[in-house]
C-alpha atoms as a PDB file:
ATOM      1  CA  MET A   1     -13.112  16.158 -20.336  1.00  0.00           C
ATOM      2  CA  THR A   2      -9.378  16.655 -19.949  1.00  0.00           C
ATOM      3  CA  GLN A   3      -7.438  15.766 -16.843  1.00  0.00           C
ATOM      4  CA  ALA A   4      -5.491  18.250 -14.747  1.00  0.00           C
ATOM      5  CA  THR A   5      -1.767  17.966 -15.192  1.00  0.00           C
ATOM      6  CA  LEU A   6       0.425  17.329 -12.188  1.00  0.00           C
ATOM      7  CA  THR A   7       4.173  16.896 -12.185  1.00  0.00           C
ATOM      8  CA  LEU A   8       5.088  14.113  -9.795  1.00  0.00           C
ATOM      9  CA  THR A   9       8.728  13.473 -10.599  1.00  0.00           C
ATOM     10  CA  PRO A  10      10.535  16.723 -11.386  1.00  0.00           C
ATOM     11  CA  ALA A  11      14.054  16.544 -12.751  1.00  0.00           C
ATOM     12  CA  VAL A  12      15.418  18.626  -9.893  1.00  0.00           C
ATOM     13  CA  VAL A  13      14.209  17.874  -6.397  1.00  0.00           C
ATOM     14  CA  PRO A  14      14.313  20.710  -3.857  1.00  0.00           C
ATOM     15  CA  ALA A  15      16.475  19.951  -0.847  1.00  0.00           C
ATOM     16  CA  THR A  16      13.432  20.163   1.417  1.00  0.00           C
ATOM     17  CA  GLN A  17      11.872  17.252  -0.459  1.00  0.00           C
ATOM     18  CA  ALA A  18      14.850  14.931  -0.178  1.00  0.00           C
ATOM     19  CA  ALA A  19      15.027  12.180   2.386  1.00  0.00           C
ATOM     20  CA  SER A  20      14.843  13.813   5.806  1.00  0.00           C
ATOM     21  CA  LEU A  21      14.502  10.820   8.108  1.00  0.00           C
ATOM     22  CA  ALA A  22      17.462   8.856   9.432  1.00  0.00           C
ATOM     23  CA  LEU A  23      16.174   5.279   9.159  1.00  0.00           C
ATOM     24  CA  THR A  24      18.212   2.107   9.518  1.00  0.00           C
ATOM     25  CA  ASN A  25      16.392  -0.454   7.396  1.00  0.00           C
ATOM     26  CA  VAL A  26      14.174   1.674   5.161  1.00  0.00           C
ATOM     27  CA  LEU A  27      15.067   4.171   2.453  1.00  0.00           C
ATOM     28  CA  TYR A  28      12.679   7.117   2.377  1.00  0.00           C
ATOM     29  CA  GLU A  29      12.547  10.042   0.016  1.00  0.00           C
ATOM     30  CA  LYS A  30      10.014  12.409  -1.482  1.00  0.00           C
ATOM     31  CA  ARG A  31      10.113  13.495  -5.108  1.00  0.00           C
ATOM     32  CA  GLY A  32       7.378  15.849  -6.166  1.00  0.00           C
ATOM     33  CA  ALA A  33       4.088  14.527  -4.815  1.00  0.00           C
ATOM     34  CA  ILE A  34       5.268  10.940  -4.332  1.00  0.00           C
ATOM     35  CA  ALA A  35       6.950   9.445  -1.275  1.00  0.00           C
ATOM     36  CA  TYR A  36       9.145   6.416  -1.986  1.00  0.00           C
ATOM     37  CA  VAL A  37       9.499   3.822   0.763  1.00  0.00           C
ATOM     38  CA  THR A  38      12.000   1.012   0.145  1.00  0.00           C
ATOM     39  CA  VAL A  39      12.649  -1.805   2.600  1.00  0.00           C
ATOM     40  CA  ASN A  40      16.434  -1.978   2.478  1.00  0.00           C
ATOM     41  CA  ARG A  41      17.658  -5.356   3.747  1.00  0.00           C
ATOM     42  CA  PRO A  42      18.504  -7.106   0.476  1.00  0.00           C
ATOM     43  CA  LYS A  43      20.990  -9.537   2.068  1.00  0.00           C
ATOM     44  CA  VAL A  44      18.084 -11.151   3.950  1.00  0.00           C
ATOM     45  CA  LEU A  45      15.555 -10.600   1.154  1.00  0.00           C
ATOM     46  CA  ASN A  46      14.144  -7.559   2.970  1.00  0.00           C
ATOM     47  CA  ALA A  47      12.855  -9.672   5.865  1.00  0.00           C
ATOM     48  CA  LEU A  48      10.863  -7.835   8.505  1.00  0.00           C
ATOM     49  CA  ASN A  49      12.287  -7.484  12.009  1.00  0.00           C
ATOM     50  CA  THR A  50      11.318  -5.101  14.799  1.00  0.00           C
ATOM     51  CA  PRO A  51      13.575  -2.206  13.691  1.00  0.00           C
ATOM     52  CA  THR A  52      12.211  -2.497  10.148  1.00  0.00           C
ATOM     53  CA  TRP A  53       8.611  -2.364  11.341  1.00  0.00           C
ATOM     54  CA  LYS A  54       9.493   0.757  13.352  1.00  0.00           C
ATOM     55  CA  ASP A  55      11.144   2.371  10.321  1.00  0.00           C
ATOM     56  CA  LEU A  56       8.081   1.642   8.204  1.00  0.00           C
ATOM     57  CA  ARG A  57       5.845   3.253  10.804  1.00  0.00           C
ATOM     58  CA  THR A  58       8.034   6.372  10.917  1.00  0.00           C
ATOM     59  CA  ALA A  59       8.143   6.697   7.127  1.00  0.00           C
ATOM     60  CA  PHE A  60       4.405   6.262   6.639  1.00  0.00           C
ATOM     61  CA  GLU A  61       3.550   8.624   9.472  1.00  0.00           C
ATOM     62  CA  ASP A  62       5.651  11.257   7.726  1.00  0.00           C
ATOM     63  CA  ALA A  63       3.972  10.571   4.388  1.00  0.00           C
ATOM     64  CA  ARG A  64       0.551  10.776   6.040  1.00  0.00           C
ATOM     65  CA  ASP A  65       1.277  14.100   7.711  1.00  0.00           C
ATOM     66  CA  ASP A  66       2.942  15.816   4.731  1.00  0.00           C
ATOM     67  CA  VAL A  67       0.207  17.592   2.743  1.00  0.00           C
ATOM     68  CA  ALA A  68       2.509  17.773  -0.291  1.00  0.00           C
ATOM     69  CA  VAL A  69       2.585  13.983  -0.536  1.00  0.00           C
ATOM     70  CA  ARG A  70      -0.280  12.688  -2.666  1.00  0.00           C
ATOM     71  CA  GLY A  71       0.714   9.028  -2.815  1.00  0.00           C
ATOM     72  CA  VAL A  72       3.331   6.470  -1.788  1.00  0.00           C
ATOM     73  CA  ILE A  73       5.252   3.758  -3.619  1.00  0.00           C
ATOM     74  CA  LEU A  74       6.390   0.874  -1.407  1.00  0.00           C
ATOM     75  CA  THR A  75       8.976  -1.582  -2.719  1.00  0.00           C
ATOM     76  CA  GLY A  76      11.976  -3.669  -1.695  1.00  0.00           C
ATOM     77  CA  ALA A  77      15.673  -3.178  -2.365  1.00  0.00           C
ATOM     78  CA  GLY A  78      17.355  -5.433  -4.899  1.00  0.00           C
ATOM     79  CA  ASP A  79      15.792  -7.564  -7.593  1.00  0.00           C
ATOM     80  CA  LYS A  80      14.878 -10.712  -5.643  1.00  0.00           C
ATOM     81  CA  ALA A  81      12.374  -9.712  -2.999  1.00  0.00           C
ATOM     82  CA  PHE A  82       9.695  -7.205  -2.148  1.00  0.00           C
ATOM     83  CA  ILE A  83       9.582  -8.551   1.417  1.00  0.00           C
ATOM     84  CA  ALA A  84      10.306 -12.253   1.888  1.00  0.00           C
ATOM     85  CA  GLY A  85       8.525 -12.406   5.250  1.00  0.00           C
ATOM     86  CA  ALA A  86       9.469 -12.214   8.902  1.00  0.00           C
ATOM     87  CA  ASP A  87      13.089 -12.365   9.984  1.00  0.00           C
ATOM     88  CA  ILE A  88      13.199 -15.984  11.175  1.00  0.00           C
ATOM     89  CA  SER A  89      16.368 -15.404  13.196  1.00  0.00           C
ATOM     90  CA  GLU A  90      14.360 -12.998  15.378  1.00  0.00           C
ATOM     91  CA  LEU A  91      11.108 -14.933  15.257  1.00  0.00           C
ATOM     92  CA  ALA A  92      12.714 -18.189  16.413  1.00  0.00           C
ATOM     93  CA  HIS A  93      13.463 -16.735  19.853  1.00  0.00           C
ATOM     94  CA  VAL A  94      10.189 -15.012  20.748  1.00  0.00           C
ATOM     95  CA  VAL A  95       7.863 -16.513  23.336  1.00  0.00           C
ATOM     96  CA  ALA A  96       4.069 -16.403  23.366  1.00  0.00           C
ATOM     97  CA  PHE A  97       3.543 -12.950  24.895  1.00  0.00           C
ATOM     98  CA  GLU A  98       6.297 -11.377  22.775  1.00  0.00           C
ATOM     99  CA  ALA A  99       4.875 -12.998  19.655  1.00  0.00           C
ATOM    100  CA  GLU A 100       1.418 -11.577  20.336  1.00  0.00           C
ATOM    101  CA  GLN A 101       2.845  -8.112  20.969  1.00  0.00           C
ATOM    102  CA  SER A 102       4.932  -8.346  17.808  1.00  0.00           C
ATOM    103  CA  SER A 103       1.884  -9.380  15.810  1.00  0.00           C
ATOM    104  CA  ARG A 104      -0.164  -6.472  17.148  1.00  0.00           C
ATOM    105  CA  PHE A 105       2.594  -3.983  16.378  1.00  0.00           C
ATOM    106  CA  GLY A 106       2.895  -5.215  12.805  1.00  0.00           C
ATOM    107  CA  GLN A 107      -0.880  -5.102  12.419  1.00  0.00           C
ATOM    108  CA  GLU A 108      -0.908  -1.497  13.622  1.00  0.00           C
ATOM    109  CA  VAL A 109       1.715  -0.518  11.037  1.00  0.00           C
ATOM    110  CA  LEU A 110      -0.252  -2.206   8.257  1.00  0.00           C
ATOM    111  CA  ASP A 111      -3.455  -0.524   9.448  1.00  0.00           C
ATOM    112  CA  LEU A 112      -1.584   2.775   9.142  1.00  0.00           C
ATOM    113  CA  ILE A 113      -0.662   1.929   5.548  1.00  0.00           C
ATOM    114  CA  GLU A 114      -4.167   0.765   4.644  1.00  0.00           C
ATOM    115  CA  ASN A 115      -5.846   3.815   6.196  1.00  0.00           C
ATOM    116  CA  LEU A 116      -3.261   6.427   5.215  1.00  0.00           C
ATOM    117  CA  GLY A 117      -5.855   8.570   3.461  1.00  0.00           C
ATOM    118  CA  LYS A 118      -3.625   8.540   0.382  1.00  0.00           C
ATOM    119  CA  PRO A 119      -3.084   5.795  -2.191  1.00  0.00           C
ATOM    120  CA  VAL A 120      -0.187   3.415  -1.586  1.00  0.00           C
ATOM    121  CA  VAL A 121       1.067   1.346  -4.515  1.00  0.00           C
ATOM    122  CA  ALA A 122       2.987  -1.827  -3.696  1.00  0.00           C
ATOM    123  CA  ALA A 123       5.629  -2.289  -6.395  1.00  0.00           C
ATOM    124  CA  ILE A 124       6.314  -5.984  -5.892  1.00  0.00           C
ATOM    125  CA  ASN A 125       9.707  -6.821  -7.345  1.00  0.00           C
ATOM    126  CA  GLY A 126      10.125 -10.397  -6.126  1.00  0.00           C
ATOM    127  CA  PHE A 127       9.157 -12.580  -3.176  1.00  0.00           C
ATOM    128  CA  ALA A 128       6.139 -11.357  -1.190  1.00  0.00           C
ATOM    129  CA  LEU A 129       5.748 -14.079   1.410  1.00  0.00           C
ATOM    130  CA  GLY A 130       4.259 -14.100   4.909  1.00  0.00           C
ATOM    131  CA  GLY A 131       4.581 -10.588   6.272  1.00  0.00           C
ATOM    132  CA  GLY A 132       5.563  -9.430   2.799  1.00  0.00           C
ATOM    133  CA  CYS A 133       2.299 -10.653   1.306  1.00  0.00           C
ATOM    134  CA  GLU A 134       0.451  -9.103   4.252  1.00  0.00           C
ATOM    135  CA  THR A 135       2.230  -5.784   3.694  1.00  0.00           C
ATOM    136  CA  ALA A 136       1.325  -5.813   0.009  1.00  0.00           C
ATOM    137  CA  MET A 137      -2.318  -6.555   0.848  1.00  0.00           C
ATOM    138  CA  ALA A 138      -2.449  -3.504   3.130  1.00  0.00           C
ATOM    139  CA  CYS A 139      -1.572  -1.299   0.155  1.00  0.00           C
ATOM    140  CA  THR A 140      -4.214   0.295  -2.039  1.00  0.00           C
ATOM    141  CA  ILE A 141      -2.978  -1.187  -5.318  1.00  0.00           C
ATOM    142  CA  ARG A 142      -0.547  -4.012  -6.037  1.00  0.00           C
ATOM    143  CA  ILE A 143       1.531  -4.294  -9.192  1.00  0.00           C
ATOM    144  CA  ALA A 144       4.083  -7.060  -9.622  1.00  0.00           C
ATOM    145  CA  VAL A 145       6.867  -8.197 -11.880  1.00  0.00           C
ATOM    146  CA  ASP A 146       6.204 -11.448 -13.713  1.00  0.00           C
ATOM    147  CA  THR A 147       8.723 -13.311 -11.541  1.00  0.00           C
ATOM    148  CA  ALA A 148       7.102 -12.341  -8.229  1.00  0.00           C
ATOM    149  CA  LYS A 149       5.979 -15.039  -5.787  1.00  0.00           C
ATOM    150  CA  PHE A 150       3.211 -14.811  -3.186  1.00  0.00           C
ATOM    151  CA  GLY A 151       2.130 -16.874  -0.222  1.00  0.00           C
ATOM    152  CA  GLN A 152       1.321 -17.223   3.469  1.00  0.00           C
ATOM    153  CA  PRO A 153       3.647 -20.070   4.505  1.00  0.00           C
ATOM    154  CA  GLU A 154       3.366 -19.536   8.265  1.00  0.00           C
ATOM    155  CA  VAL A 155       1.796 -22.962   8.905  1.00  0.00           C
ATOM    156  CA  THR A 156       5.013 -24.575   7.648  1.00  0.00           C
ATOM    157  CA  LEU A 157       6.733 -22.903  10.620  1.00  0.00           C
ATOM    158  CA  GLY A 158       4.117 -23.932  13.147  1.00  0.00           C
ATOM    159  CA  LEU A 159       2.458 -20.500  13.109  1.00  0.00           C
ATOM    160  CA  VAL A 160      -0.523 -18.665  11.637  1.00  0.00           C
ATOM    161  CA  PRO A 161      -0.316 -15.402   9.690  1.00  0.00           C
ATOM    162  CA  GLY A 162       0.173 -12.610  12.210  1.00  0.00           C
ATOM    163  CA  GLY A 163       0.040  -9.440  10.115  1.00  0.00           C
ATOM    164  CA  GLY A 164      -3.528  -9.593   8.897  1.00  0.00           C
ATOM    165  CA  GLY A 165      -3.251 -12.448   6.414  1.00  0.00           C
ATOM    166  CA  THR A 166      -6.244 -14.340   7.770  1.00  0.00           C
ATOM    167  CA  GLN A 167      -8.365 -11.184   7.387  1.00  0.00           C
ATOM    168  CA  ARG A 168      -7.197  -9.365   4.274  1.00  0.00           C
ATOM    169  CA  LEU A 169      -6.592 -12.374   2.035  1.00  0.00           C
ATOM    170  CA  PRO A 170     -10.209 -13.680   2.241  1.00  0.00           C
ATOM    171  CA  ARG A 171     -11.466 -10.161   1.558  1.00  0.00           C
ATOM    172  CA  LEU A 172      -9.314  -9.909  -1.561  1.00  0.00           C
ATOM    173  CA  VAL A 173      -9.610 -13.362  -3.132  1.00  0.00           C
ATOM    174  CA  GLY A 174     -12.549 -15.021  -1.379  1.00  0.00           C
ATOM    175  CA  LYS A 175     -12.655 -17.291   1.642  1.00  0.00           C
ATOM    176  CA  GLY A 176     -12.181 -20.609  -0.169  1.00  0.00           C
ATOM    177  CA  ARG A 177      -9.062 -19.680  -2.135  1.00  0.00           C
ATOM    178  CA  ALA A 178      -7.625 -17.796   0.830  1.00  0.00           C
ATOM    179  CA  LEU A 179      -8.003 -20.775   3.149  1.00  0.00           C
ATOM    180  CA  GLN A 180      -6.387 -23.038   0.586  1.00  0.00           C
ATOM    181  CA  LEU A 181      -3.355 -20.764   0.474  1.00  0.00           C
ATOM    182  CA  ILE A 182      -3.198 -20.203   4.244  1.00  0.00           C
ATOM    183  CA  LEU A 183      -3.712 -23.829   5.291  1.00  0.00           C
ATOM    184  CA  SER A 184      -1.374 -25.326   2.683  1.00  0.00           C
ATOM    185  CA  GLY A 185       1.360 -22.701   2.841  1.00  0.00           C
ATOM    186  CA  GLU A 186       1.368 -22.840  -0.965  1.00  0.00           C
ATOM    187  CA  ILE A 187       3.451 -20.296  -2.865  1.00  0.00           C
ATOM    188  CA  ILE A 188       1.937 -19.017  -6.106  1.00  0.00           C
ATOM    189  CA  ASN A 189       3.398 -17.120  -9.043  1.00  0.00           C
ATOM    190  CA  ALA A 190       2.429 -13.661 -10.256  1.00  0.00           C
ATOM    191  CA  GLN A 191       0.146 -15.003 -12.960  1.00  0.00           C
ATOM    192  CA  GLU A 192      -1.936 -16.971 -10.447  1.00  0.00           C
ATOM    193  CA  ALA A 193      -1.938 -14.000  -8.055  1.00  0.00           C
ATOM    194  CA  TYR A 194      -3.336 -11.863 -10.867  1.00  0.00           C
ATOM    195  CA  ARG A 195      -5.931 -14.494 -11.824  1.00  0.00           C
ATOM    196  CA  ILE A 196      -7.377 -14.650  -8.301  1.00  0.00           C
ATOM    197  CA  GLY A 197      -7.300 -10.877  -7.788  1.00  0.00           C
ATOM    198  CA  LEU A 198      -4.407 -10.651  -5.369  1.00  0.00           C
ATOM    199  CA  VAL A 199      -2.520  -8.264  -7.663  1.00  0.00           C
ATOM    200  CA  ASN A 200      -3.902  -5.606  -9.987  1.00  0.00           C
ATOM    201  CA  GLU A 201      -1.307  -5.776 -12.755  1.00  0.00           C
ATOM    202  CA  ILE A 202       1.778  -7.645 -13.915  1.00  0.00           C
ATOM    203  CA  VAL A 203       4.471  -5.563 -15.592  1.00  0.00           C
ATOM    204  CA  PRO A 204       8.048  -6.091 -16.820  1.00  0.00           C
ATOM    205  CA  ALA A 205      10.650  -5.433 -14.132  1.00  0.00           C
ATOM    206  CA  ALA A 206      12.036  -2.454 -16.042  1.00  0.00           C
ATOM    207  CA  ASP A 207       8.609  -0.774 -15.978  1.00  0.00           C
ATOM    208  CA  LEU A 208       7.672  -1.455 -12.345  1.00  0.00           C
ATOM    209  CA  ILE A 209       8.352   1.935 -10.745  1.00  0.00           C
ATOM    210  CA  THR A 210       7.359   3.869 -13.866  1.00  0.00           C
ATOM    211  CA  ARG A 211       3.991   2.149 -13.894  1.00  0.00           C
ATOM    212  CA  ALA A 212       3.522   2.768 -10.161  1.00  0.00           C
ATOM    213  CA  GLU A 213       4.248   6.448 -10.727  1.00  0.00           C
ATOM    214  CA  ALA A 214       1.764   6.572 -13.613  1.00  0.00           C
ATOM    215  CA  ILE A 215      -0.980   5.096 -11.426  1.00  0.00           C
ATOM    216  CA  LEU A 216      -0.350   7.670  -8.704  1.00  0.00           C
ATOM    217  CA  LYS A 217      -0.166  10.502 -11.226  1.00  0.00           C
ATOM    218  CA  LYS A 218      -3.600   9.563 -12.545  1.00  0.00           C
ATOM    219  CA  ILE A 219      -5.059   9.421  -9.017  1.00  0.00           C
ATOM    220  CA  ALA A 220      -3.351  12.658  -7.987  1.00  0.00           C
ATOM    221  CA  SER A 221      -5.000  14.541 -10.858  1.00  0.00           C
ATOM    222  CA  ASN A 222      -8.295  14.110  -9.016  1.00  0.00           C
ATOM    223  CA  ALA A 223      -9.674  15.989  -6.018  1.00  0.00           C
ATOM    224  CA  PRO A 224      -7.637  15.078  -2.897  1.00  0.00           C
ATOM    225  CA  ILE A 225     -10.584  15.166  -0.505  1.00  0.00           C
ATOM    226  CA  ALA A 226     -12.663  12.974  -2.794  1.00  0.00           C
ATOM    227  CA  VAL A 227      -9.814  10.468  -3.087  1.00  0.00           C
ATOM    228  CA  LYS A 228      -9.408  10.374   0.702  1.00  0.00           C
ATOM    229  CA  PHE A 229     -13.124   9.878   1.334  1.00  0.00           C
ATOM    230  CA  ALA A 230     -13.430   7.228  -1.377  1.00  0.00           C
ATOM    231  CA  LEU A 231     -10.623   5.272   0.276  1.00  0.00           C
ATOM    232  CA  GLU A 232     -12.253   5.593   3.684  1.00  0.00           C
ATOM    233  CA  ALA A 233     -15.673   4.569   2.383  1.00  0.00           C
ATOM    234  CA  ALA A 234     -14.275   1.437   0.735  1.00  0.00           C
ATOM    235  CA  ASN A 235     -12.109   0.443   3.712  1.00  0.00           C
ATOM    236  CA  LYS A 236     -14.705   1.073   6.403  1.00  0.00           C
ATOM    237  CA  GLY A 237     -17.505  -0.338   4.307  1.00  0.00           C
ATOM    238  CA  MET A 238     -15.774  -3.717   4.125  1.00  0.00           C
ATOM    239  CA  ASP A 239     -16.304  -4.108   7.863  1.00  0.00           C
ATOM    240  CA  THR A 240     -20.020  -3.294   7.809  1.00  0.00           C
ATOM    241  CA  SER A 241     -23.173  -4.566   6.164  1.00  0.00           C
ATOM    242  CA  GLN A 242     -23.904  -3.305   2.658  1.00  0.00           C
ATOM    243  CA  GLY A 243     -26.684  -1.119   4.023  1.00  0.00           C
ATOM    244  CA  GLU A 244     -24.382   0.518   6.560  1.00  0.00           C
ATOM    245  CA  GLY A 245     -21.740   0.934   3.870  1.00  0.00           C
ATOM    246  CA  LEU A 246     -24.240   2.694   1.615  1.00  0.00           C
ATOM    247  CA  LEU A 247     -25.143   5.114   4.411  1.00  0.00           C
ATOM    248  CA  LEU A 248     -21.439   5.818   4.919  1.00  0.00           C
ATOM    249  CA  GLU A 249     -21.005   6.404   1.199  1.00  0.00           C
ATOM    250  CA  ALA A 250     -23.915   8.849   1.123  1.00  0.00           C
ATOM    251  CA  SER A 251     -22.416  10.737   4.060  1.00  0.00           C
ATOM    252  CA  TYR A 252     -19.078  11.122   2.287  1.00  0.00           C
ATOM    253  CA  PHE A 253     -20.898  12.123  -0.904  1.00  0.00           C
ATOM    254  CA  GLY A 254     -22.563  14.917   1.026  1.00  0.00           C
ATOM    255  CA  LEU A 255     -19.306  16.056   2.592  1.00  0.00           C
ATOM    256  CA  CYS A 256     -17.636  16.215  -0.805  1.00  0.00           C
ATOM    257  CA  ALA A 257     -20.539  18.263  -2.173  1.00  0.00           C
ATOM    258  CA  ALA A 258     -19.670  21.012   0.323  1.00  0.00           C
ATOM    259  CA  THR A 259     -16.060  21.365  -0.871  1.00  0.00           C
ATOM    260  CA  GLU A 260     -14.511  23.945  -3.170  1.00  0.00           C
ATOM    261  CA  ASP A 261     -13.100  21.061  -5.206  1.00  0.00           C
ATOM    262  CA  LYS A 262     -16.621  19.896  -6.052  1.00  0.00           C
ATOM    263  CA  LYS A 263     -17.511  23.372  -7.301  1.00  0.00           C
ATOM    264  CA  GLU A 264     -14.298  23.496  -9.309  1.00  0.00           C
ATOM    265  CA  GLY A 265     -14.717  19.998 -10.733  1.00  0.00           C
ATOM    266  CA  THR A 266     -18.275  20.504 -11.916  1.00  0.00           C
ATOM    267  CA  ALA A 267     -17.520  23.983 -13.261  1.00  0.00           C
ATOM    268  CA  ALA A 268     -14.482  22.712 -15.153  1.00  0.00           C
ATOM    269  CA  PHE A 269     -16.556  19.938 -16.708  1.00  0.00           C
ATOM    270  CA  LEU A 270     -19.243  22.355 -17.899  1.00  0.00           C
ATOM    271  CA  GLU A 271     -16.621  24.808 -19.173  1.00  0.00           C
ATOM    272  CA  LYS A 272     -14.699  22.016 -20.936  1.00  0.00           C
ATOM    273  CA  ARG A 273     -11.406  22.749 -19.186  1.00  0.00           C
ATOM    274  CA  ALA A 274      -9.043  20.916 -16.854  1.00  0.00           C
ATOM    275  CA  PRO A 275      -9.959  21.304 -13.177  1.00  0.00           C
ATOM    276  CA  GLN A 276      -7.535  22.928 -10.752  1.00  0.00           C
ATOM    277  CA  PHE A 277      -8.143  21.130  -7.484  1.00  0.00           C
ATOM    278  CA  ARG A 278      -6.779  22.631  -4.266  1.00  0.00           C
ATOM    279  CA  GLY A 279      -7.848  20.110  -1.668  1.00  0.00           C
ATOM    280  CA  ARG A 280     -10.422  22.405  -0.114  1.00  0.00           C
END
């Protein structure tokens, strides 16, 4: 069975697909069916402060609401860091209530990313520490350069992870390894992150974005509704028992069976041609 072709990065981008949001700390543009989100604070290793969190929320809300966008690539500016963590100069001055509110806001942004309904590939080009590691974990797929570093070093600052690290890391790598990383503040290299399942692939730096685009192109050749429901079933199922997750899966299976894309996909298979999915 052949795959449907889909051009994701055309040579000429229509003006309507160029960056349309005026953001301070994030670069945002759409090329073809991919939205590119780049945290743009390289002088501070793309550290997360309140304005950056707000920019991320704005960019991902736009990507979520734009039906032409089929996937997102999230990365950091420069060649040293994806996101090196929280901006300590801001964090040092927050008090208890402000810290809790800041944590909840960051969690809400990462929930938005995780539940976007479209695949998000984290293209990890360097340090992914603290909030950076948490941001990467909220993405659908993580690919990293071989020099990338990962960790949750909050305990070395007298804190605990505040952007979902205590929840997503155990779900990705298992409770024992996650607690070792969280309680020690240990920083691991890309090879160890790959070994424990924290990242999906390690690629040369020169191939990072190209590989991210290839992953999204493969996903985008499939039925959009099926992709959305598969993401929802996996995400929601992680928070339920296996039995409840199986019921949820069956429900989504039934919903997909009622779509035009299901009719097209099965017909294309039987007719030995590439399917032409329309998201209906």
